């Protein structure tokens, strides 16, 4: 579970593409919360927020 594609900030000349990978660590003490957070970040609601602030889905 988690984000299947990276999210990039900026799509303009001179602005480097930066990705923010996300992973749920198998030995996490809060694995369920981490999975829920990862699922939220991949949700349409979170994608709308990312778009509002200039983040774009991977090409």
N, C-alpha and C. Protein backbone atom coordinates (compact mmCIF):
# COMPACT_ATOMS: atom_id res chain seq x y z
N UNK A 1 0.85 -1.17 0.00
CA UNK A 1 0.00 0.00 0.00
C UNK A 1 0.89 1.23 0.00
N UNK A 2 0.39 2.31 -0.59
CA UNK A 2 1.14 3.54 -0.61
C UNK A 2 1.05 4.19 -1.97
N UNK A 3 1.80 5.22 -2.12
CA UNK A 3 1.78 5.96 -3.37
C UNK A 3 2.50 5.15 -4.43
N UNK A 4 1.86 5.00 -5.58
CA UNK A 4 2.42 4.18 -6.66
C UNK A 4 3.29 5.00 -7.61
N UNK A 5 3.14 6.32 -7.57
CA UNK A 5 3.92 7.17 -8.45
C UNK A 5 4.46 8.35 -7.65
N UNK A 6 5.65 8.83 -8.01
CA UNK A 6 6.19 9.97 -7.29
C UNK A 6 5.41 11.24 -7.60
N UNK A 7 5.50 12.21 -6.75
CA UNK A 7 4.87 13.50 -6.95
C UNK A 7 5.99 14.51 -7.15
N UNK A 8 5.85 15.37 -8.15
CA UNK A 8 6.89 16.34 -8.46
C UNK A 8 6.40 17.75 -8.19
N UNK A 9 7.29 18.61 -7.75
CA UNK A 9 6.98 20.01 -7.52
C UNK A 9 7.60 20.80 -8.65
N UNK A 10 6.79 21.61 -9.30
CA UNK A 10 7.30 22.47 -10.36
C UNK A 10 7.35 21.77 -11.70
N UNK A 11 7.02 22.48 -12.71
CA UNK A 11 7.11 21.98 -14.07
C UNK A 11 7.42 23.16 -14.97
N UNK A 12 8.40 23.94 -14.52
CA UNK A 12 8.76 25.13 -15.25
C UNK A 12 10.26 25.09 -15.56
N UNK A 13 10.65 25.75 -16.66
CA UNK A 13 12.07 25.79 -17.00
C UNK A 13 12.89 26.35 -15.85
N UNK A 14 13.98 25.72 -15.58
CA UNK A 14 14.88 26.19 -14.54
C UNK A 14 14.56 25.70 -13.14
N UNK A 15 13.42 25.05 -12.97
CA UNK A 15 13.06 24.51 -11.66
C UNK A 15 13.23 23.00 -11.70
N UNK A 16 14.14 22.47 -10.90
CA UNK A 16 14.35 21.02 -10.93
C UNK A 16 13.14 20.27 -10.38
N UNK A 17 12.91 19.09 -10.92
CA UNK A 17 11.85 18.24 -10.41
C UNK A 17 12.35 17.55 -9.14
N UNK A 18 11.56 17.61 -8.11
CA UNK A 18 11.92 17.01 -6.83
C UNK A 18 10.85 16.01 -6.46
N UNK A 19 11.24 14.81 -6.11
CA UNK A 19 10.25 13.81 -5.69
C UNK A 19 10.37 13.57 -4.19
N UNK A 20 9.27 13.18 -3.61
CA UNK A 20 9.20 12.90 -2.18
C UNK A 20 8.71 11.47 -2.00
N UNK A 21 9.59 10.50 -2.03
CA UNK A 21 9.16 9.11 -1.87
C UNK A 21 8.61 8.84 -0.47
N UNK A 22 7.77 7.84 -0.39
CA UNK A 22 7.16 7.47 0.88
C UNK A 22 7.18 5.97 1.00
N UNK A 23 7.51 5.47 2.16
CA UNK A 23 7.50 4.03 2.42
C UNK A 23 7.05 3.78 3.85
N UNK A 24 6.38 2.67 4.04
CA UNK A 24 6.02 2.23 5.38
C UNK A 24 7.06 1.19 5.79
N UNK A 25 7.77 1.48 6.85
CA UNK A 25 8.83 0.57 7.31
C UNK A 25 8.21 -0.67 7.94
N UNK A 26 8.73 -1.83 7.59
CA UNK A 26 8.12 -3.07 8.07
C UNK A 26 8.22 -3.23 9.58
N UNK A 27 9.21 -2.62 10.21
CA UNK A 27 9.37 -2.73 11.66
C UNK A 27 8.82 -1.50 12.41
N UNK A 28 8.02 -0.69 11.72
CA UNK A 28 7.47 0.50 12.35
C UNK A 28 6.60 0.17 13.55
N UNK A 29 6.73 0.96 14.59
CA UNK A 29 5.86 0.78 15.77
C UNK A 29 4.45 1.30 15.48
N UNK A 30 4.33 2.08 14.41
CA UNK A 30 3.04 2.67 14.05
C UNK A 30 2.69 2.34 12.60
N UNK A 31 2.87 1.09 12.21
CA UNK A 31 2.68 0.69 10.82
C UNK A 31 1.27 0.98 10.32
N UNK A 32 0.26 0.72 11.12
CA UNK A 32 -1.11 0.95 10.67
C UNK A 32 -1.36 2.44 10.42
N UNK A 33 -0.89 3.28 11.31
CA UNK A 33 -1.03 4.73 11.10
C UNK A 33 -0.26 5.17 9.86
N UNK A 34 0.92 4.61 9.65
CA UNK A 34 1.72 4.94 8.47
C UNK A 34 1.01 4.52 7.19
N UNK A 35 0.39 3.34 7.20
CA UNK A 35 -0.36 2.88 6.02
C UNK A 35 -1.55 3.80 5.74
N UNK A 36 -2.23 4.22 6.79
CA UNK A 36 -3.36 5.13 6.61
C UNK A 36 -2.89 6.48 6.05
N UNK A 37 -1.76 6.95 6.55
CA UNK A 37 -1.22 8.21 6.05
C UNK A 37 -0.83 8.08 4.58
N UNK A 38 -0.17 6.98 4.22
CA UNK A 38 0.22 6.75 2.83
C UNK A 38 -1.02 6.69 1.93
N UNK A 39 -2.06 6.01 2.40
CA UNK A 39 -3.29 5.92 1.62
C UNK A 39 -3.92 7.30 1.45
N UNK A 40 -3.90 8.10 2.51
CA UNK A 40 -4.44 9.45 2.42
C UNK A 40 -3.67 10.28 1.38
N UNK A 41 -2.34 10.19 1.40
CA UNK A 41 -1.54 10.97 0.46
C UNK A 41 -1.82 10.59 -1.00
N UNK A 42 -2.31 9.38 -1.22
CA UNK A 42 -2.65 8.93 -2.57
C UNK A 42 -4.11 9.20 -2.91
N UNK A 43 -4.87 9.76 -1.99
CA UNK A 43 -6.30 9.99 -2.19
C UNK A 43 -6.56 11.20 -3.08
N UNK A 44 -7.74 11.24 -3.69
CA UNK A 44 -8.11 12.42 -4.48
C UNK A 44 -8.09 13.72 -3.65
N UNK A 45 -8.48 13.65 -2.40
CA UNK A 45 -8.48 14.83 -1.53
C UNK A 45 -7.06 15.39 -1.38
N UNK A 46 -6.11 14.52 -1.08
CA UNK A 46 -4.72 14.97 -0.93
C UNK A 46 -4.15 15.43 -2.26
N UNK A 47 -4.48 14.73 -3.35
CA UNK A 47 -4.00 15.15 -4.68
C UNK A 47 -4.46 16.56 -5.01
N UNK A 48 -5.70 16.89 -4.63
CA UNK A 48 -6.22 18.24 -4.87
C UNK A 48 -5.41 19.28 -4.10
N UNK A 49 -5.03 18.94 -2.87
CA UNK A 49 -4.21 19.86 -2.07
C UNK A 49 -2.83 20.00 -2.69
N UNK A 50 -2.23 18.89 -3.13
CA UNK A 50 -0.93 18.96 -3.79
C UNK A 50 -1.00 19.87 -5.02
N UNK A 51 -2.03 19.68 -5.82
CA UNK A 51 -2.19 20.48 -7.03
C UNK A 51 -2.34 21.95 -6.69
N UNK A 52 -3.11 22.26 -5.66
CA UNK A 52 -3.32 23.64 -5.23
C UNK A 52 -1.99 24.34 -4.93
N UNK A 53 -1.03 23.59 -4.40
CA UNK A 53 0.26 24.16 -4.01
C UNK A 53 1.38 23.88 -5.00
N UNK A 54 1.02 23.50 -6.23
CA UNK A 54 2.01 23.39 -7.29
C UNK A 54 2.65 22.04 -7.49
N UNK A 55 2.22 21.02 -6.75
CA UNK A 55 2.75 19.69 -6.96
C UNK A 55 2.03 19.05 -8.13
N UNK A 56 2.76 18.32 -8.94
CA UNK A 56 2.20 17.66 -10.12
C UNK A 56 2.46 16.17 -10.06
N UNK A 57 1.54 15.35 -10.60
CA UNK A 57 1.80 13.90 -10.65
C UNK A 57 2.96 13.62 -11.61
N UNK A 58 3.57 12.50 -11.42
CA UNK A 58 4.69 12.11 -12.29
C UNK A 58 4.22 12.00 -13.72
N UNK A 59 5.07 12.35 -14.66
CA UNK A 59 4.69 12.24 -16.10
C UNK A 59 4.46 10.81 -16.51
